[in-house]
């Protein structure tokens, strides 16, 4: 079972790389009156897997990024959360090398400003 399924009960989206980037999925153009106010932009840390608003969007995109990396895809005792734009890792990592890899992957997800791994034990 992958990260996204284990932590959030969701399947991988059709285009994982686009989901990880936090870019909205292209939708059919709509007719919008010229005097209509601009649509409110979603903060990048709240962009979900399909470009929608999601309170845990960044954490889900990090979990998806972990699923995409074969070195960490099977790690199952580390959990991902977020506090604003900070990715929070919790649990037990099998080695410092794997934890470092998780931190690097999380830092490279669009919208992550920092990674807090203080709650991860090595064991």
Foldseek 3Di string as FASTA:
>chain_A
DFLLCVAPVDDQDPDLVCLLQQAADDDDDDDDDPPDDDDDQAQSCQQASHRDGHPFRLQSSLSSLLCVDPVRGPFDFWGWGDDQQEIEIAGEDQAPVNVVVSQVSSVPGPSRPHYHDVRYHHD
